Amino acid sequence: MSSPLVTTDIFGKTTNGDVVQRYTLKNKNGMVLQLIDLGATITSIQIPNKCAGSTDIVLGHATVKGYENDNYYFGEVVGRVCNRIHHGKFVLNGEEYNLPINNGPNHIHGGPNGFSRMIWDSAIDGDGIKFKYTSVDGEEGYPGELATHVTYQLTEDNEVIIHYIANTSKPTPVNLTNHCYFNLAGHDAVDIYDHLVMINADYYTPVDDIVIPTGEILPVEGSVFDLRTPVLLGDIIHKVPGGGYDNNYCLQSNKEKHLAARVHHPKSSRMMEVYTTQPGIQFYTANFLDGLACGKNGATYPKHSGLCLENQNYPNAINQPNFPNTVLNPGDVYDHTTWYKFSTLE
């Protein structure tokens, strides 16, 4: 069985003069995955077209500076805890922790100097790329030294596999994800309204006016959050409170691989299936993109120009005892996998 071809080059340098390495993986079908060690970031996924050529389906930046100044987390690994923590506070084993506030009144995606801002150690690892980052005790307010490994693989079946492993020296909350924005029409397409989306979840976690889960777990049935059968986003997205989806869906919680979501773009016949071992998936429709000219090849990314399907634990789980446990203890291993499988329908 053949393995994808892996090549490396220099993507650029940071403002501090650090070299940013880029990895390019290409399989026998002509699919290409590109990654950089700044943020362990997916910068490009190129899908072969039905006739000729290929199309880049993820939003991103053309330069290192773009990623350094990125407040949207394009394709980046976010942590130590992704999503929001209410008021940046939590209590663990009787001690209160205060985290930096970087999203209104809340802490989001590990803080202003979270994992997405770091240059990870990286190396080719068999048919994939392994990234390693060690977060010191107290970094961004979190307890314990956390050693994290993220491995990306591109298979000959057109799957991008992301495997996360972490261990800690002290009890600490951990919730890692990749924040890729997809547009199956192409990263420079104007919107995602022509995408059909299915999310395989009977329940979701409603949020308050600062996008923090209320603690309730409600059925999707009879609401705009019911995506169990494919829905054309253009028909429903403007009916969603808050200007679009930014919601956690409750999946199976047995830590086995399960189908979380499916996205189909009928015009190009492209399909993406998302599988995960995580109990939740955050569906976000790029409600806060502002159209700044920061994209690849001069593209601009306005509101609703991409969608994120972030496999993760429930948001603010550290403060909600009825949500799945998010605390990692010494001696235990945080171990989760995400699969993005791409195909073209006949």
C-alpha atoms as a PDB file:
ATOM      1  CA  MET A   1       0.000   0.000   0.000  1.00  0.00           C
ATOM      2  CA  SER A   2       1.470   3.364  -1.019  1.00  0.00           C
ATOM      3  CA  SER A   3       1.746   6.363   1.287  1.00  0.00           C
ATOM      4  CA  PRO A   4       1.215  10.032   0.460  1.00  0.00           C
ATOM      5  CA  LEU A   5       4.212  11.975  -0.811  1.00  0.00           C
ATOM      6  CA  VAL A   6       5.512  14.412   1.806  1.00  0.00           C
ATOM      7  CA  THR A   7       7.591  17.494   0.984  1.00  0.00           C
ATOM      8  CA  THR A   8       8.731  20.430   3.100  1.00  0.00           C
ATOM      9  CA  ASP A   9       9.561  24.068   2.535  1.00  0.00           C
ATOM     10  CA  ILE A  10       9.779  27.358   4.435  1.00  0.00           C
ATOM     11  CA  PHE A  11       6.447  29.170   4.711  1.00  0.00           C
ATOM     12  CA  GLY A  12       8.055  32.331   6.110  1.00  0.00           C
ATOM     13  CA  LYS A  13       9.329  33.916   9.300  1.00  0.00           C
ATOM     14  CA  THR A  14       7.557  35.362  12.322  1.00  0.00           C
ATOM     15  CA  THR A  15       8.036  38.943  13.457  1.00  0.00           C
ATOM     16  CA  ASN A  16      10.552  37.508  15.962  1.00  0.00           C
ATOM     17  CA  GLY A  17      12.528  35.917  13.143  1.00  0.00           C
ATOM     18  CA  ASP A  18      11.460  32.316  13.838  1.00  0.00           C
ATOM     19  CA  VAL A  19      11.256  30.117  10.763  1.00  0.00           C
ATOM     20  CA  VAL A  20       7.829  28.613  10.037  1.00  0.00           C
ATOM     21  CA  GLN A  21       7.997  25.200   8.392  1.00  0.00           C
ATOM     22  CA  ARG A  22       5.386  24.014   5.880  1.00  0.00           C
ATOM     23  CA  TYR A  23       4.561  20.382   5.081  1.00  0.00           C
ATOM     24  CA  THR A  24       2.792  19.273   1.910  1.00  0.00           C
ATOM     25  CA  LEU A  25       1.190  15.825   1.724  1.00  0.00           C
ATOM     26  CA  LYS A  26      -0.167  14.535  -1.603  1.00  0.00           C
ATOM     27  CA  ASN A  27      -1.917  11.224  -2.185  1.00  0.00           C
ATOM     28  CA  LYS A  28      -2.291   9.113  -5.322  1.00  0.00           C
ATOM     29  CA  ASN A  29      -5.647  10.758  -6.142  1.00  0.00           C
ATOM     30  CA  GLY A  30      -4.099  14.225  -6.306  1.00  0.00           C
ATOM     31  CA  MET A  31      -5.531  15.426  -2.993  1.00  0.00           C
ATOM     32  CA  VAL A  32      -3.191  17.802  -1.141  1.00  0.00           C
ATOM     33  CA  LEU A  33      -2.974  18.686   2.559  1.00  0.00           C
ATOM     34  CA  GLN A  34      -0.703  21.540   3.683  1.00  0.00           C
ATOM     35  CA  LEU A  35       0.279  22.254   7.274  1.00  0.00           C
ATOM     36  CA  ILE A  36       2.522  24.724   9.106  1.00  0.00           C
ATOM     37  CA  ASP A  37       4.115  24.406  12.531  1.00  0.00           C
ATOM     38  CA  LEU A  38       2.744  27.792  13.680  1.00  0.00           C
ATOM     39  CA  GLY A  39      -0.382  26.656  15.516  1.00  0.00           C
ATOM     40  CA  ALA A  40      -0.115  23.143  13.995  1.00  0.00           C
ATOM     41  CA  THR A  41      -2.311  24.710  11.343  1.00  0.00           C
ATOM     42  CA  ILE A  42      -4.066  23.369   8.250  1.00  0.00           C
ATOM     43  CA  THR A  43      -3.394  26.015   5.594  1.00  0.00           C
ATOM     44  CA  SER A  44      -4.796  24.217   2.549  1.00  0.00           C
ATOM     45  CA  ILE A  45      -6.830  21.178   1.522  1.00  0.00           C
ATOM     46  CA  GLN A  46      -6.961  20.814  -2.231  1.00  0.00           C
ATOM     47  CA  ILE A  47      -9.594  18.464  -3.649  1.00  0.00           C
ATOM     48  CA  PRO A  48      -9.340  17.184  -7.253  1.00  0.00           C
ATOM     49  CA  ASN A  49     -12.158  18.433  -9.494  1.00  0.00           C
ATOM     50  CA  LYS A  50     -14.335  16.037 -11.481  1.00  0.00           C
ATOM     51  CA  CYS A  51     -12.795  17.180 -14.780  1.00  0.00           C
ATOM     52  CA  ALA A  52      -9.383  18.797 -14.266  1.00  0.00           C
ATOM     53  CA  GLY A  53      -7.400  20.691 -11.682  1.00  0.00           C
ATOM     54  CA  SER A  54      -8.210  20.980  -8.005  1.00  0.00           C
ATOM     55  CA  THR A  55      -9.920  23.374  -5.596  1.00  0.00           C
ATOM     56  CA  ASP A  56      -8.683  24.612  -2.222  1.00  0.00           C
ATOM     57  CA  ILE A  57     -11.620  24.253   0.178  1.00  0.00           C
ATOM     58  CA  VAL A  58     -10.283  25.795   3.411  1.00  0.00           C
ATOM     59  CA  LEU A  59     -10.040  29.461   4.301  1.00  0.00           C
ATOM     60  CA  GLY A  60      -6.662  30.781   5.386  1.00  0.00           C
ATOM     61  CA  HIS A  61      -3.834  33.261   5.029  1.00  0.00           C
ATOM     62  CA  ALA A  62      -1.102  33.630   2.440  1.00  0.00           C
ATOM     63  CA  THR A  63       1.577  34.758   4.904  1.00  0.00           C
ATOM     64  CA  VAL A  64       2.929  34.095   8.380  1.00  0.00           C
ATOM     65  CA  LYS A  65       1.916  37.636   9.358  1.00  0.00           C
ATOM     66  CA  GLY A  66      -1.663  36.786   8.499  1.00  0.00           C
ATOM     67  CA  TYR A  67      -1.651  33.879  10.951  1.00  0.00           C
ATOM     68  CA  GLU A  68       0.178  35.885  13.621  1.00  0.00           C
ATOM     69  CA  ASN A  69      -2.559  38.544  13.505  1.00  0.00           C
ATOM     70  CA  ASP A  70      -5.417  36.076  13.046  1.00  0.00           C
ATOM     71  CA  ASN A  71      -8.333  36.470  15.461  1.00  0.00           C
ATOM     72  CA  TYR A  72     -10.439  33.883  13.623  1.00  0.00           C
ATOM     73  CA  TYR A  73      -8.211  30.809  14.190  1.00  0.00           C
ATOM     74  CA  PHE A  74      -8.181  29.707  10.525  1.00  0.00           C
ATOM     75  CA  GLY A  75      -7.217  26.004  10.523  1.00  0.00           C
ATOM     76  CA  GLU A  76      -5.382  26.233  13.830  1.00  0.00           C
ATOM     77  CA  VAL A  77      -5.225  23.847  16.783  1.00  0.00           C
ATOM     78  CA  VAL A  78      -6.800  25.680  19.695  1.00  0.00           C
ATOM     79  CA  GLY A  79      -6.253  24.897  23.379  1.00  0.00           C
ATOM     80  CA  ARG A  80      -5.493  24.186  26.149  1.00  0.00           C
ATOM     81  CA  VAL A  81      -9.289  24.537  26.214  1.00  0.00           C
ATOM     82  CA  CYS A  82     -11.127  25.387  23.020  1.00  0.00           C
ATOM     83  CA  ASN A  83     -14.389  27.325  22.921  1.00  0.00           C
ATOM     84  CA  ARG A  84     -15.541  29.587  25.761  1.00  0.00           C
ATOM     85  CA  ILE A  85     -15.071  29.495  29.529  1.00  0.00           C
ATOM     86  CA  HIS A  86     -17.547  31.717  31.356  1.00  0.00           C
ATOM     87  CA  HIS A  87     -15.817  34.863  32.647  1.00  0.00           C
ATOM     88  CA  GLY A  88     -12.498  32.996  32.408  1.00  0.00           C
ATOM     89  CA  LYS A  89     -13.065  31.370  35.793  1.00  0.00           C
ATOM     90  CA  PHE A  90     -13.273  27.838  37.123  1.00  0.00           C
ATOM     91  CA  VAL A  91     -12.775  25.996  40.405  1.00  0.00           C
ATOM     92  CA  LEU A  92     -10.778  22.759  40.440  1.00  0.00           C
ATOM     93  CA  ASN A  93     -10.108  20.772  43.615  1.00  0.00           C
ATOM     94  CA  GLY A  94     -11.158  23.740  45.727  1.00  0.00           C
ATOM     95  CA  GLU A  95      -8.881  26.276  44.041  1.00  0.00           C
ATOM     96  CA  GLU A  96     -10.187  29.081  41.818  1.00  0.00           C
ATOM     97  CA  TYR A  97      -8.378  29.821  38.566  1.00  0.00           C
ATOM     98  CA  ASN A  98      -8.609  33.056  36.589  1.00  0.00           C
ATOM     99  CA  LEU A  99      -7.817  32.989  32.874  1.00  0.00           C
ATOM    100  CA  PRO A 100      -7.237  35.932  30.500  1.00  0.00           C
ATOM    101  CA  ILE A 101     -10.401  37.390  28.961  1.00  0.00           C
ATOM    102  CA  ASN A 102     -10.280  37.600  25.153  1.00  0.00           C
ATOM    103  CA  ASN A 103     -13.882  37.221  23.940  1.00  0.00           C
ATOM    104  CA  GLY A 104     -16.222  39.819  25.388  1.00  0.00           C
ATOM    105  CA  PRO A 105     -16.453  38.856  29.077  1.00  0.00           C
ATOM    106  CA  ASN A 106     -15.209  35.313  28.419  1.00  0.00           C
ATOM    107  CA  HIS A 107     -12.048  33.307  27.815  1.00  0.00           C
ATOM    108  CA  ILE A 108     -11.923  31.594  24.426  1.00  0.00           C
ATOM    109  CA  HIS A 109      -9.677  29.057  22.659  1.00  0.00           C
ATOM    110  CA  GLY A 110      -6.988  28.964  25.336  1.00  0.00           C
ATOM    111  CA  GLY A 111      -6.455  32.718  25.606  1.00  0.00           C
ATOM    112  CA  PRO A 112      -4.597  35.357  23.572  1.00  0.00           C
ATOM    113  CA  ASN A 113      -1.403  33.294  23.778  1.00  0.00           C
ATOM    114  CA  GLY A 114      -2.928  29.859  23.460  1.00  0.00           C
ATOM    115  CA  PHE A 115      -1.737  26.899  21.434  1.00  0.00           C
ATOM    116  CA  SER A 116      -2.654  28.529  18.118  1.00  0.00           C
ATOM    117  CA  ARG A 117       0.006  31.205  18.681  1.00  0.00           C
ATOM    118  CA  MET A 118       2.858  28.794  19.331  1.00  0.00           C
ATOM    119  CA  ILE A 119       5.412  27.248  16.997  1.00  0.00           C
ATOM    120  CA  TRP A 120       5.168  23.511  17.623  1.00  0.00           C
ATOM    121  CA  ASP A 121       8.013  21.036  17.318  1.00  0.00           C
ATOM    122  CA  SER A 122       7.297  19.079  14.148  1.00  0.00           C
ATOM    123  CA  ALA A 123       8.580  16.138  12.149  1.00  0.00           C
ATOM    124  CA  ILE A 124       7.547  13.697   9.446  1.00  0.00           C
ATOM    125  CA  ASP A 125       6.179  10.610  11.213  1.00  0.00           C
ATOM    126  CA  GLY A 126       5.648   7.716   8.819  1.00  0.00           C
ATOM    127  CA  ASP A 127       2.829   8.750   6.499  1.00  0.00           C
ATOM    128  CA  GLY A 128       1.943  11.798   8.582  1.00  0.00           C
ATOM    129  CA  ILE A 129       3.224  14.856  10.417  1.00  0.00           C
ATOM    130  CA  LYS A 130       3.555  14.927  14.195  1.00  0.00           C
ATOM    131  CA  PHE A 131       3.418  18.221  16.086  1.00  0.00           C
ATOM    132  CA  LYS A 132       4.439  18.542  19.733  1.00  0.00           C
ATOM    133  CA  TYR A 133       3.948  21.390  22.181  1.00  0.00           C
ATOM    134  CA  THR A 134       4.528  21.479  25.944  1.00  0.00           C
ATOM    135  CA  SER A 135       2.514  24.069  27.813  1.00  0.00           C
ATOM    136  CA  VAL A 136       4.204  25.029  31.089  1.00  0.00           C
ATOM    137  CA  ASP A 137       2.466  25.027  34.460  1.00  0.00           C
ATOM    138  CA  GLY A 138       0.536  28.303  34.763  1.00  0.00           C
ATOM    139  CA  GLU A 139       0.566  29.194  31.071  1.00  0.00           C
ATOM    140  CA  GLU A 140      -2.492  31.339  30.329  1.00  0.00           C
ATOM    141  CA  GLY A 141      -3.600  30.615  33.899  1.00  0.00           C
ATOM    142  CA  TYR A 142      -3.979  26.842  33.565  1.00  0.00           C
ATOM    143  CA  PRO A 143      -2.538  24.442  36.172  1.00  0.00           C
ATOM    144  CA  GLY A 144      -0.052  21.724  35.305  1.00  0.00           C
ATOM    145  CA  GLU A 145       2.491  21.121  32.580  1.00  0.00           C
ATOM    146  CA  LEU A 146       0.636  19.713  29.581  1.00  0.00           C
ATOM    147  CA  ALA A 147       2.517  17.747  26.902  1.00  0.00           C
ATOM    148  CA  THR A 148       0.480  17.625  23.696  1.00  0.00           C
ATOM    149  CA  HIS A 149       0.981  15.688  20.464  1.00  0.00           C
ATOM    150  CA  VAL A 150      -1.143  16.262  17.362  1.00  0.00           C
ATOM    151  CA  THR A 151      -0.620  13.995  14.351  1.00  0.00           C
ATOM    152  CA  TYR A 152      -2.084  14.624  10.898  1.00  0.00           C
ATOM    153  CA  GLN A 153      -2.404  11.936   8.235  1.00  0.00           C
ATOM    154  CA  LEU A 154      -3.651  12.061   4.656  1.00  0.00           C
ATOM    155  CA  THR A 155      -4.830   8.644   3.519  1.00  0.00           C
ATOM    156  CA  GLU A 156      -5.192   7.223   0.029  1.00  0.00           C
ATOM    157  CA  ASP A 157      -8.943   7.164   0.708  1.00  0.00           C
ATOM    158  CA  ASN A 158      -9.013  10.988   0.841  1.00  0.00           C
ATOM    159  CA  GLU A 159      -9.270  11.184   4.613  1.00  0.00           C
ATOM    160  CA  VAL A 160      -7.568  13.777   6.802  1.00  0.00           C
ATOM    161  CA  ILE A 161      -7.062  12.171  10.209  1.00  0.00           C
ATOM    162  CA  ILE A 162      -6.197  14.281  13.268  1.00  0.00           C
ATOM    163  CA  HIS A 163      -5.079  12.434  16.404  1.00  0.00           C
ATOM    164  CA  TYR A 164      -4.687  14.307  19.694  1.00  0.00           C
ATOM    165  CA  ILE A 165      -2.783  12.968  22.729  1.00  0.00           C
ATOM    166  CA  ALA A 166      -1.978  14.864  25.924  1.00  0.00           C
ATOM    167  CA  ASN A 167      -0.826  14.181  29.466  1.00  0.00           C
ATOM    168  CA  THR A 168      -0.444  16.454  32.459  1.00  0.00           C
ATOM    169  CA  SER A 169       1.533  16.909  35.665  1.00  0.00           C
ATOM    170  CA  LYS A 170      -1.495  18.305  37.585  1.00  0.00           C
ATOM    171  CA  PRO A 171      -5.260  18.075  37.204  1.00  0.00           C
ATOM    172  CA  THR A 172      -6.277  20.502  34.452  1.00  0.00           C
ATOM    173  CA  PRO A 173      -9.112  21.010  31.966  1.00  0.00           C
ATOM    174  CA  VAL A 174      -8.208  19.953  28.413  1.00  0.00           C
ATOM    175  CA  ASN A 175     -10.329  20.307  25.280  1.00  0.00           C
ATOM    176  CA  LEU A 176      -8.471  20.389  21.956  1.00  0.00           C
ATOM    177  CA  THR A 177      -9.819  20.892  18.449  1.00  0.00           C
ATOM    178  CA  ASN A 178      -8.920  22.129  14.992  1.00  0.00           C
ATOM    179  CA  HIS A 179     -10.657  25.332  13.882  1.00  0.00           C
ATOM    180  CA  CYS A 180     -10.732  24.772  10.110  1.00  0.00           C
ATOM    181  CA  TYR A 181     -13.180  26.804   8.017  1.00  0.00           C
ATOM    182  CA  PHE A 182     -14.514  24.849   5.043  1.00  0.00           C
ATOM    183  CA  ASN A 183     -16.223  25.969   1.858  1.00  0.00           C
ATOM    184  CA  LEU A 184     -16.667  23.057  -0.543  1.00  0.00           C
ATOM    185  CA  ALA A 185     -17.214  25.505  -3.413  1.00  0.00           C
ATOM    186  CA  GLY A 186     -13.699  26.862  -2.841  1.00  0.00           C
ATOM    187  CA  HIS A 187     -12.074  29.002  -0.168  1.00  0.00           C
ATOM    188  CA  ASP A 188     -12.819  32.150  -2.181  1.00  0.00           C
ATOM    189  CA  ALA A 189     -16.541  31.443  -2.711  1.00  0.00           C
ATOM    190  CA  VAL A 190     -18.786  34.196  -1.398  1.00  0.00           C
ATOM    191  CA  ASP A 191     -20.889  32.125   1.021  1.00  0.00           C
ATOM    192  CA  ILE A 192     -22.002  28.666   2.157  1.00  0.00           C
ATOM    193  CA  TYR A 193     -25.718  29.067   1.428  1.00  0.00           C
ATOM    194  CA  ASP A 194     -25.605  26.392  -1.289  1.00  0.00           C
ATOM    195  CA  HIS A 195     -24.279  23.730   1.115  1.00  0.00           C
ATOM    196  CA  LEU A 196     -26.439  20.914   2.471  1.00  0.00           C
ATOM    197  CA  VAL A 197     -25.574  20.137   6.105  1.00  0.00           C
ATOM    198  CA  MET A 198     -26.509  17.162   8.276  1.00  0.00           C
ATOM    199  CA  ILE A 199     -25.497  16.891  11.939  1.00  0.00           C
ATOM    200  CA  ASN A 200     -26.069  13.510  13.556  1.00  0.00           C
ATOM    201  CA  ALA A 201     -27.341  14.721  16.930  1.00  0.00           C
ATOM    202  CA  ASP A 202     -30.687  14.575  18.726  1.00  0.00           C
ATOM    203  CA  TYR A 203     -29.708  17.169  21.335  1.00  0.00           C
ATOM    204  CA  TYR A 204     -27.830  20.473  21.601  1.00  0.00           C
ATOM    205  CA  THR A 205     -26.728  22.868  24.346  1.00  0.00           C
ATOM    206  CA  PRO A 206     -28.561  26.237  24.140  1.00  0.00           C
ATOM    207  CA  VAL A 207     -26.582  29.393  24.935  1.00  0.00           C
ATOM    208  CA  ASP A 208     -27.217  32.751  26.588  1.00  0.00           C
ATOM    209  CA  ASP A 209     -26.612  36.183  25.094  1.00  0.00           C
ATOM    210  CA  ILE A 210     -22.808  35.883  25.535  1.00  0.00           C
ATOM    211  CA  VAL A 211     -22.741  32.445  23.835  1.00  0.00           C
ATOM    212  CA  ILE A 212     -22.214  30.471  27.061  1.00  0.00           C
ATOM    213  CA  PRO A 213     -24.216  27.239  27.422  1.00  0.00           C
ATOM    214  CA  THR A 214     -27.033  27.616  29.934  1.00  0.00           C
ATOM    215  CA  GLY A 215     -26.418  24.096  31.240  1.00  0.00           C
ATOM    216  CA  GLU A 216     -29.525  22.715  29.582  1.00  0.00           C
ATOM    217  CA  ILE A 217     -29.409  19.853  27.094  1.00  0.00           C
ATOM    218  CA  LEU A 218     -32.420  20.188  24.809  1.00  0.00           C
ATOM    219  CA  PRO A 219     -33.845  18.143  21.935  1.00  0.00           C
ATOM    220  CA  VAL A 220     -33.297  19.619  18.476  1.00  0.00           C
ATOM    221  CA  GLU A 221     -36.676  18.399  17.260  1.00  0.00           C
ATOM    222  CA  GLY A 222     -38.997  21.154  16.085  1.00  0.00           C
ATOM    223  CA  SER A 223     -36.284  23.848  16.112  1.00  0.00           C
ATOM    224  CA  VAL A 224     -33.850  25.489  13.684  1.00  0.00           C
ATOM    225  CA  PHE A 225     -31.179  23.336  15.325  1.00  0.00           C
ATOM    226  CA  ASP A 226     -32.638  20.121  13.918  1.00  0.00           C
ATOM    227  CA  LEU A 227     -30.154  19.153  11.201  1.00  0.00           C
ATOM    228  CA  ARG A 228     -30.619  15.389  11.420  1.00  0.00           C
ATOM    229  CA  THR A 229     -31.728  15.379   7.804  1.00  0.00           C
ATOM    230  CA  PRO A 230     -29.798  17.506   5.284  1.00  0.00           C
ATOM    231  CA  VAL A 231     -30.793  21.175   5.269  1.00  0.00           C
ATOM    232  CA  LEU A 232     -29.806  23.785   2.693  1.00  0.00           C
ATOM    233  CA  LEU A 233     -28.079  26.467   4.750  1.00  0.00           C
ATOM    234  CA  GLY A 234     -29.486  29.324   2.671  1.00  0.00           C
ATOM    235  CA  ASP A 235     -33.003  28.256   3.666  1.00  0.00           C
ATOM    236  CA  ILE A 236     -32.408  28.347   7.398  1.00  0.00           C
ATOM    237  CA  ILE A 237     -29.283  30.241   8.475  1.00  0.00           C
ATOM    238  CA  HIS A 238     -31.014  33.635   8.727  1.00  0.00           C
ATOM    239  CA  LYS A 239     -33.612  32.138  11.069  1.00  0.00           C
ATOM    240  CA  VAL A 240     -30.990  31.150  13.639  1.00  0.00           C
ATOM    241  CA  PRO A 241     -30.679  33.458  16.680  1.00  0.00           C
ATOM    242  CA  GLY A 242     -27.402  35.350  16.734  1.00  0.00           C
ATOM    243  CA  GLY A 243     -27.017  35.613  12.972  1.00  0.00           C
ATOM    244  CA  GLY A 244     -26.082  32.002  12.283  1.00  0.00           C
ATOM    245  CA  TYR A 245     -24.972  28.799  13.962  1.00  0.00           C
ATOM    246  CA  ASP A 246     -22.445  28.844  16.802  1.00  0.00           C
ATOM    247  CA  ASN A 247     -23.742  25.890  18.747  1.00  0.00           C
ATOM    248  CA  ASN A 248     -22.604  22.662  20.340  1.00  0.00           C
ATOM    249  CA  TYR A 249     -24.352  19.455  19.309  1.00  0.00           C
ATOM    250  CA  CYS A 250     -24.389  16.438  21.624  1.00  0.00           C
ATOM    251  CA  LEU A 251     -23.056  13.284  19.977  1.00  0.00           C
ATOM    252  CA  GLN A 252     -22.487   9.767  21.223  1.00  0.00           C
ATOM    253  CA  SER A 253     -20.198   9.785  24.253  1.00  0.00           C
ATOM    254  CA  ASN A 254     -18.725   6.272  24.186  1.00  0.00           C
ATOM    255  CA  LYS A 255     -15.362   7.452  22.791  1.00  0.00           C
ATOM    256  CA  GLU A 256     -15.768   5.245  19.727  1.00  0.00           C
ATOM    257  CA  LYS A 257     -15.591   6.526  16.158  1.00  0.00           C
ATOM    258  CA  HIS A 258     -18.991   7.791  15.080  1.00  0.00           C
ATOM    259  CA  LEU A 259     -20.464   9.904  12.289  1.00  0.00           C
ATOM    260  CA  ALA A 260     -20.910  13.472  13.506  1.00  0.00           C
ATOM    261  CA  ALA A 261     -21.784  15.436  10.363  1.00  0.00           C
ATOM    262  CA  ARG A 262     -22.015  15.406   6.596  1.00  0.00           C
ATOM    263  CA  VAL A 263     -21.721  18.380   4.224  1.00  0.00           C
ATOM    264  CA  HIS A 264     -22.643  18.238   0.526  1.00  0.00           C
ATOM    265  CA  HIS A 265     -22.121  20.895  -2.132  1.00  0.00           C
ATOM    266  CA  PRO A 266     -24.430  19.828  -4.981  1.00  0.00           C
ATOM    267  CA  LYS A 267     -22.986  22.147  -7.648  1.00  0.00           C
ATOM    268  CA  SER A 268     -19.489  20.628  -7.406  1.00  0.00           C
ATOM    269  CA  SER A 269     -20.721  17.213  -6.147  1.00  0.00           C
ATOM    270  CA  ARG A 270     -18.190  17.438  -3.287  1.00  0.00           C
ATOM    271  CA  MET A 271     -18.991  15.826   0.039  1.00  0.00           C
ATOM    272  CA  MET A 272     -17.288  15.917   3.434  1.00  0.00           C
ATOM    273  CA  GLU A 273     -18.075  13.456   6.213  1.00  0.00           C
ATOM    274  CA  VAL A 274     -16.906  14.136   9.757  1.00  0.00           C
ATOM    275  CA  TYR A 275     -16.237  11.348  12.244  1.00  0.00           C
ATOM    276  CA  THR A 276     -14.994  11.746  15.804  1.00  0.00           C
ATOM    277  CA  THR A 277     -14.491  10.109  19.186  1.00  0.00           C
ATOM    278  CA  GLN A 278     -15.554  13.294  20.975  1.00  0.00           C
ATOM    279  CA  PRO A 279     -18.949  13.804  22.684  1.00  0.00           C
ATOM    280  CA  GLY A 280     -19.682  17.118  20.967  1.00  0.00           C
ATOM    281  CA  ILE A 281     -19.287  19.094  17.773  1.00  0.00           C
ATOM    282  CA  GLN A 282     -19.428  22.874  17.490  1.00  0.00           C
ATOM    283  CA  PHE A 283     -21.164  24.007  14.308  1.00  0.00           C
ATOM    284  CA  TYR A 284     -20.087  27.557  13.453  1.00  0.00           C
ATOM    285  CA  THR A 285     -21.062  29.408  10.287  1.00  0.00           C
ATOM    286  CA  ALA A 286     -18.458  32.202  10.380  1.00  0.00           C
ATOM    287  CA  ASN A 287     -20.888  34.755  11.771  1.00  0.00           C
ATOM    288  CA  PHE A 288     -18.055  37.044  12.879  1.00  0.00           C
ATOM    289  CA  LEU A 289     -15.971  37.167   9.711  1.00  0.00           C
ATOM    290  CA  ASP A 290     -15.848  40.747   8.442  1.00  0.00           C
ATOM    291  CA  GLY A 291     -14.627  40.573   4.845  1.00  0.00           C
ATOM    292  CA  LEU A 292     -11.145  41.886   5.502  1.00  0.00           C
ATOM    293  CA  ALA A 293      -8.726  41.308   2.606  1.00  0.00           C
ATOM    294  CA  CYS A 294      -6.625  38.752   4.465  1.00  0.00           C
ATOM    295  CA  GLY A 295      -7.215  35.570   2.520  1.00  0.00           C
ATOM    296  CA  LYS A 296      -5.179  33.430   0.175  1.00  0.00           C
ATOM    297  CA  ASN A 297      -4.718  34.696  -3.383  1.00  0.00           C
ATOM    298  CA  GLY A 298      -6.261  38.035  -2.444  1.00  0.00           C
ATOM    299  CA  ALA A 299      -9.562  36.498  -1.347  1.00  0.00           C
ATOM    300  CA  THR A 300     -11.820  38.234   1.138  1.00  0.00           C
ATOM    301  CA  TYR A 301     -13.811  36.263   3.677  1.00  0.00           C
ATOM    302  CA  PRO A 302     -17.147  37.870   4.564  1.00  0.00           C
ATOM    303  CA  LYS A 303     -19.747  36.661   7.032  1.00  0.00           C
ATOM    304  CA  HIS A 304     -20.984  33.123   6.263  1.00  0.00           C
ATOM    305  CA  SER A 305     -18.167  32.419   3.779  1.00  0.00           C
ATOM    306  CA  GLY A 306     -17.113  29.254   5.596  1.00  0.00           C
ATOM    307  CA  LEU A 307     -18.284  26.709   8.132  1.00  0.00           C
ATOM    308  CA  CYS A 308     -16.517  25.017  11.024  1.00  0.00           C
ATOM    309  CA  LEU A 309     -17.260  21.577  12.436  1.00  0.00           C
ATOM    310  CA  GLU A 310     -15.121  21.484  15.577  1.00  0.00           C
ATOM    311  CA  ASN A 311     -15.044  18.125  17.343  1.00  0.00           C
ATOM    312  CA  GLN A 312     -14.708  18.695  21.074  1.00  0.00           C
ATOM    313  CA  ASN A 313     -16.142  18.394  24.554  1.00  0.00           C
ATOM    314  CA  TYR A 314     -19.074  20.641  25.428  1.00  0.00           C
ATOM    315  CA  PRO A 315     -18.204  24.352  25.858  1.00  0.00           C
ATOM    316  CA  ASN A 316     -17.655  25.569  29.432  1.00  0.00           C
ATOM    317  CA  ALA A 317     -17.797  21.954  30.631  1.00  0.00           C
ATOM    318  CA  ILE A 318     -15.422  22.776  33.489  1.00  0.00           C
ATOM    319  CA  ASN A 319     -18.238  24.875  35.007  1.00  0.00           C
ATOM    320  CA  GLN A 320     -21.131  22.532  34.202  1.00  0.00           C
ATOM    321  CA  PRO A 321     -21.116  19.326  36.291  1.00  0.00           C
ATOM    322  CA  ASN A 322     -23.798  17.726  34.077  1.00  0.00           C
ATOM    323  CA  PHE A 323     -21.583  18.030  30.965  1.00  0.00           C
ATOM    324  CA  PRO A 324     -19.003  15.348  30.056  1.00  0.00           C
ATOM    325  CA  ASN A 325     -15.862  15.530  32.190  1.00  0.00           C
ATOM    326  CA  THR A 326     -13.144  17.788  30.801  1.00  0.00           C
ATOM    327  CA  VAL A 327     -10.520  17.382  33.564  1.00  0.00           C
ATOM    328  CA  LEU A 328      -7.368  15.427  32.743  1.00  0.00           C
ATOM    329  CA  ASN A 329      -5.526  13.940  35.735  1.00  0.00           C
ATOM    330  CA  PRO A 330      -1.872  12.906  36.036  1.00  0.00           C
ATOM    331  CA  GLY A 331      -1.421   9.347  34.819  1.00  0.00           C
ATOM    332  CA  ASP A 332      -4.398   9.549  32.469  1.00  0.00           C
ATOM    333  CA  VAL A 333      -4.154  10.206  28.732  1.00  0.00           C
ATOM    334  CA  TYR A 334      -6.261  12.605  26.698  1.00  0.00           C
ATOM    335  CA  ASP A 335      -6.743  10.667  23.450  1.00  0.00           C
ATOM    336  CA  HIS A 336      -9.134  11.710  20.682  1.00  0.00           C
ATOM    337  CA  THR A 337      -9.327  11.388  16.914  1.00  0.00           C
ATOM    338  CA  THR A 338     -11.150  13.273  14.149  1.00  0.00           C
ATOM    339  CA  TRP A 339     -11.644  12.075  10.581  1.00  0.00           C
ATOM    340  CA  TYR A 340     -12.578  14.379   7.668  1.00  0.00           C
ATOM    341  CA  LYS A 341     -13.421  12.190   4.669  1.00  0.00           C
ATOM    342  CA  PHE A 342     -13.813  13.776   1.226  1.00  0.00           C
ATOM    343  CA  SER A 343     -15.509  12.371  -1.854  1.00  0.00           C
ATOM    344  CA  THR A 344     -17.138  13.433  -5.107  1.00  0.00           C
ATOM    345  CA  LEU A 345     -20.614  12.084  -5.800  1.00  0.00           C
ATOM    346  CA  GLU A 346     -21.306  10.653  -9.212  1.00  0.00           C
END
